[in-house]
């Protein structure tokens, strides 16, 4: 893939905030509902790992729908269950690869964790299967690796800070950060010739 120019990180954060404000109550409510569901199912061994990927995909789906001006309701949080199998397989494989990479001197694990950052978006937005989505994410992010890593680090710091007051700040920070990541994804995929 030809190297493309990097989206402005400030614009990504600004667009993430703007997108969040289109329906702040809905996105924060969906984030709270997702947290409650994940908290409850985490009490059952292995169930959490089956529930989290489709719920995250559903939150992305809500953000994508808002960006496109489509009707969005709280039920869209469950859209990811329509793509349950590829989401779970991708989540398992990424976790496995990252774990192996972390064992092998840490750096490979961090690299893999970063380059698979768009996998869920490719599954939800472009209806790709798990392996093509992982490969698309790898190829796109590899071409923007250091720049995207800076955005990912910044979003991580925002979420850590937001989690300090009993995690309540995450009700805003989490959807804003996902929307900022989506803006970056949209910018780099719209100019890429191949994945």
Protein backbone atom coordinates (compact mmCIF):
# COMPACT_ATOMS: atom_id res chain seq x y z
CA UNK A 1 0.00 0.00 0.00
CA UNK A 2 1.23 3.47 -0.80
CA UNK A 3 2.01 5.64 2.20
CA UNK A 4 -0.83 8.09 2.71
CA UNK A 5 -0.72 11.35 4.60
CA UNK A 6 -1.59 11.20 8.29
CA UNK A 7 -4.87 12.65 9.58
CA UNK A 8 -4.49 15.50 12.06
CA UNK A 9 -4.79 14.12 15.60
CA UNK A 10 -6.38 17.33 16.87
CA UNK A 11 -9.02 17.03 14.15
CA UNK A 12 -9.69 13.42 15.17
CA UNK A 13 -10.31 14.46 18.78
CA UNK A 14 -12.43 17.43 17.69
CA UNK A 15 -14.49 15.29 15.31
CA UNK A 16 -14.87 12.65 18.02
CA UNK A 17 -16.28 15.25 20.39
CA UNK A 18 -18.56 16.70 17.69
CA UNK A 19 -19.88 13.27 16.78
CA UNK A 20 -20.48 12.46 20.45
CA UNK A 21 -22.48 15.67 20.92
CA UNK A 22 -24.90 14.66 18.16
CA UNK A 23 -26.53 12.34 20.69
CA UNK A 24 -24.50 12.50 23.89
CA UNK A 25 -27.21 10.99 26.10
CA UNK A 26 -27.64 7.99 23.81
CA UNK A 27 -23.91 7.24 23.49
CA UNK A 28 -23.26 7.68 27.21
CA UNK A 29 -26.33 5.56 27.99
CA UNK A 30 -25.13 2.84 25.62
CA UNK A 31 -21.68 2.95 27.24
CA UNK A 32 -23.25 2.56 30.70
CA UNK A 33 -25.46 -0.30 29.54
CA UNK A 34 -22.45 -2.01 27.97
CA UNK A 35 -20.48 -1.63 31.21
CA UNK A 36 -23.34 -3.07 33.26
CA UNK A 37 -23.80 -6.05 30.93
CA UNK A 38 -20.06 -6.76 30.82
CA UNK A 39 -19.87 -6.43 34.61
CA UNK A 40 -22.67 -8.95 35.13
CA UNK A 41 -21.50 -11.52 32.57
CA UNK A 42 -17.91 -11.31 33.84
CA UNK A 43 -19.14 -13.26 36.86
CA UNK A 44 -19.59 -16.25 34.55
CA UNK A 45 -16.25 -17.71 33.35
CA UNK A 46 -15.50 -17.10 29.64
CA UNK A 47 -18.86 -15.44 28.96
CA UNK A 48 -17.35 -11.97 29.17
CA UNK A 49 -14.96 -12.73 26.32
CA UNK A 50 -17.97 -13.71 24.19
CA UNK A 51 -20.08 -10.66 25.07
CA UNK A 52 -17.56 -7.79 25.00
CA UNK A 53 -16.55 -7.96 21.27
CA UNK A 54 -20.11 -7.70 19.85
CA UNK A 55 -21.05 -4.96 22.32
CA UNK A 56 -17.97 -2.95 21.35
CA UNK A 57 -18.93 -3.51 17.71
CA UNK A 58 -22.42 -2.27 18.52
CA UNK A 59 -21.05 0.93 20.03
CA UNK A 60 -18.96 1.45 16.88
CA UNK A 61 -22.10 0.78 14.83
CA UNK A 62 -23.94 3.54 16.69
CA UNK A 63 -21.06 5.96 16.03
CA UNK A 64 -20.97 5.04 12.34
CA UNK A 65 -24.74 5.49 12.03
CA UNK A 66 -24.58 8.89 13.71
CA UNK A 67 -21.79 9.94 11.36
CA UNK A 68 -23.90 8.92 8.36
CA UNK A 69 -26.97 10.73 9.64
CA UNK A 70 -28.92 7.50 10.08
CA UNK A 71 -31.45 6.80 12.80
CA UNK A 72 -29.81 5.43 15.94
CA UNK A 73 -31.45 3.83 18.97
CA UNK A 74 -30.16 1.98 22.02
CA UNK A 75 -30.98 -1.32 20.29
CA UNK A 76 -28.13 -0.65 17.85
CA UNK A 77 -25.77 -1.47 20.73
CA UNK A 78 -26.62 -5.10 19.94
CA UNK A 79 -25.90 -4.86 16.19
CA UNK A 80 -22.58 -6.62 16.72
CA UNK A 81 -24.35 -9.87 17.55
CA UNK A 82 -25.22 -10.14 13.85
CA UNK A 83 -21.46 -10.56 13.26
CA UNK A 84 -20.83 -12.57 16.42
CA UNK A 85 -18.61 -15.33 15.01
CA UNK A 86 -16.07 -13.18 13.12
CA UNK A 87 -15.88 -10.75 16.05
CA UNK A 88 -15.19 -13.50 18.58
CA UNK A 89 -12.66 -15.30 16.36
CA UNK A 90 -10.84 -12.03 15.63
CA UNK A 91 -10.80 -11.13 19.33
CA UNK A 92 -9.42 -14.57 20.23
CA UNK A 93 -6.72 -14.51 17.55
CA UNK A 94 -5.62 -10.96 18.37
CA UNK A 95 -5.44 -11.81 22.08
CA UNK A 96 -3.42 -14.93 21.28
CA UNK A 97 -1.01 -13.11 18.94
CA UNK A 98 -0.56 -10.23 21.37
CA UNK A 99 0.05 -12.62 24.29
CA UNK A 100 2.70 -14.50 22.30
CA UNK A 101 4.23 -11.18 21.23
CA UNK A 102 4.37 -9.93 24.81
CA UNK A 103 6.14 -13.11 25.87
CA UNK A 104 8.66 -12.54 23.06
CA UNK A 105 10.30 -9.41 24.46
CA UNK A 106 7.11 -7.29 24.87
CA UNK A 107 7.66 -5.03 21.83
CA UNK A 108 6.16 -7.47 19.28
CA UNK A 109 3.04 -7.73 21.46
CA UNK A 110 2.61 -3.95 21.60
CA UNK A 111 3.10 -3.75 17.84
CA UNK A 112 0.44 -6.39 17.20
CA UNK A 113 -1.97 -4.77 19.66
CA UNK A 114 -1.61 -1.52 17.72
CA UNK A 115 -1.84 -2.77 14.14
CA UNK A 116 -5.02 -4.73 14.79
CA UNK A 117 -6.76 -1.62 16.13
CA UNK A 118 -9.18 -1.29 13.20
CA UNK A 119 -10.23 -4.95 13.02
CA UNK A 120 -13.63 -4.42 14.64
CA UNK A 121 -14.30 -1.41 12.42
CA UNK A 122 -13.55 -3.39 9.27
CA UNK A 123 -15.93 -6.15 10.42
CA UNK A 124 -18.72 -3.72 11.31
CA UNK A 125 -18.28 -1.05 8.64
CA UNK A 126 -17.21 -3.16 5.67
CA UNK A 127 -18.71 -6.53 6.62
CA UNK A 128 -15.35 -8.28 6.34
CA UNK A 129 -14.69 -11.70 7.82
CA UNK A 130 -12.25 -12.01 10.74
CA UNK A 131 -9.02 -12.66 8.81
CA UNK A 132 -9.54 -10.12 6.00
CA UNK A 133 -10.47 -7.55 8.67
CA UNK A 134 -7.31 -8.31 10.63
CA UNK A 135 -5.21 -8.08 7.47
CA UNK A 136 -6.89 -4.83 6.38
CA UNK A 137 -6.21 -3.33 9.79
CA UNK A 138 -2.60 -4.51 9.75
CA UNK A 139 -1.89 -3.08 6.31
CA UNK A 140 -3.60 0.26 6.93
CA UNK A 141 -2.13 0.92 10.38
CA UNK A 142 1.35 -0.30 9.39
CA UNK A 143 1.53 2.58 6.91
CA UNK A 144 0.65 5.06 9.67
CA UNK A 145 2.14 3.14 12.59
CA UNK A 146 3.94 5.81 14.60
CA UNK A 147 1.31 8.45 13.99
CA UNK A 148 -1.58 6.14 14.86
CA UNK A 149 0.35 4.92 17.92
CA UNK A 150 0.48 8.53 19.13
CA UNK A 151 -3.31 8.82 18.78
CA UNK A 152 -3.83 5.48 20.55
CA UNK A 153 -1.54 6.57 23.40
CA UNK A 154 -3.36 9.86 23.74
CA UNK A 155 -6.76 8.16 23.77
CA UNK A 156 -5.48 5.71 26.38
CA UNK A 157 -4.30 8.57 28.61
CA UNK A 158 -7.67 10.32 28.25
CA UNK A 159 -9.50 7.14 29.31
CA UNK A 160 -7.18 6.57 32.28
CA UNK A 161 -7.72 10.13 33.50
CA UNK A 162 -11.48 9.84 32.91
CA UNK A 163 -11.60 6.61 34.94
CA UNK A 164 -10.21 8.25 38.08
CA UNK A 165 -13.52 9.63 39.46
CA UNK A 166 -15.03 6.15 40.01
CA UNK A 167 -14.96 5.55 36.27
CA UNK A 168 -17.82 7.98 35.67
CA UNK A 169 -15.79 10.06 33.24
CA UNK A 170 -15.60 7.05 30.95
CA UNK A 171 -19.29 7.45 30.15
CA UNK A 172 -18.19 10.46 28.10
CA UNK A 173 -14.54 9.68 27.35
CA UNK A 174 -15.08 6.15 25.99
CA UNK A 175 -17.54 7.07 23.20
CA UNK A 176 -15.58 10.25 22.38
CA UNK A 177 -12.37 8.24 22.05
CA UNK A 178 -14.06 5.56 19.93
CA UNK A 179 -15.49 8.29 17.70
CA UNK A 180 -12.02 9.88 17.40
CA UNK A 181 -10.55 6.52 16.43
CA UNK A 182 -13.36 6.03 13.90
CA UNK A 183 -12.58 9.45 12.39
CA UNK A 184 -8.93 8.38 11.94
CA UNK A 185 -10.05 5.06 10.42
CA UNK A 186 -12.43 6.81 8.05
CA UNK A 187 -9.74 9.28 6.97
CA UNK A 188 -7.09 6.67 6.20
CA UNK A 189 -9.42 4.15 4.55
CA UNK A 190 -11.04 6.75 2.32
CA UNK A 191 -7.68 7.61 0.73
CA UNK A 192 -6.17 4.12 0.63
CA UNK A 193 -6.12 2.32 -2.70
CA UNK A 194 -5.79 -1.15 -1.19
CA UNK A 195 -6.04 -2.75 2.23
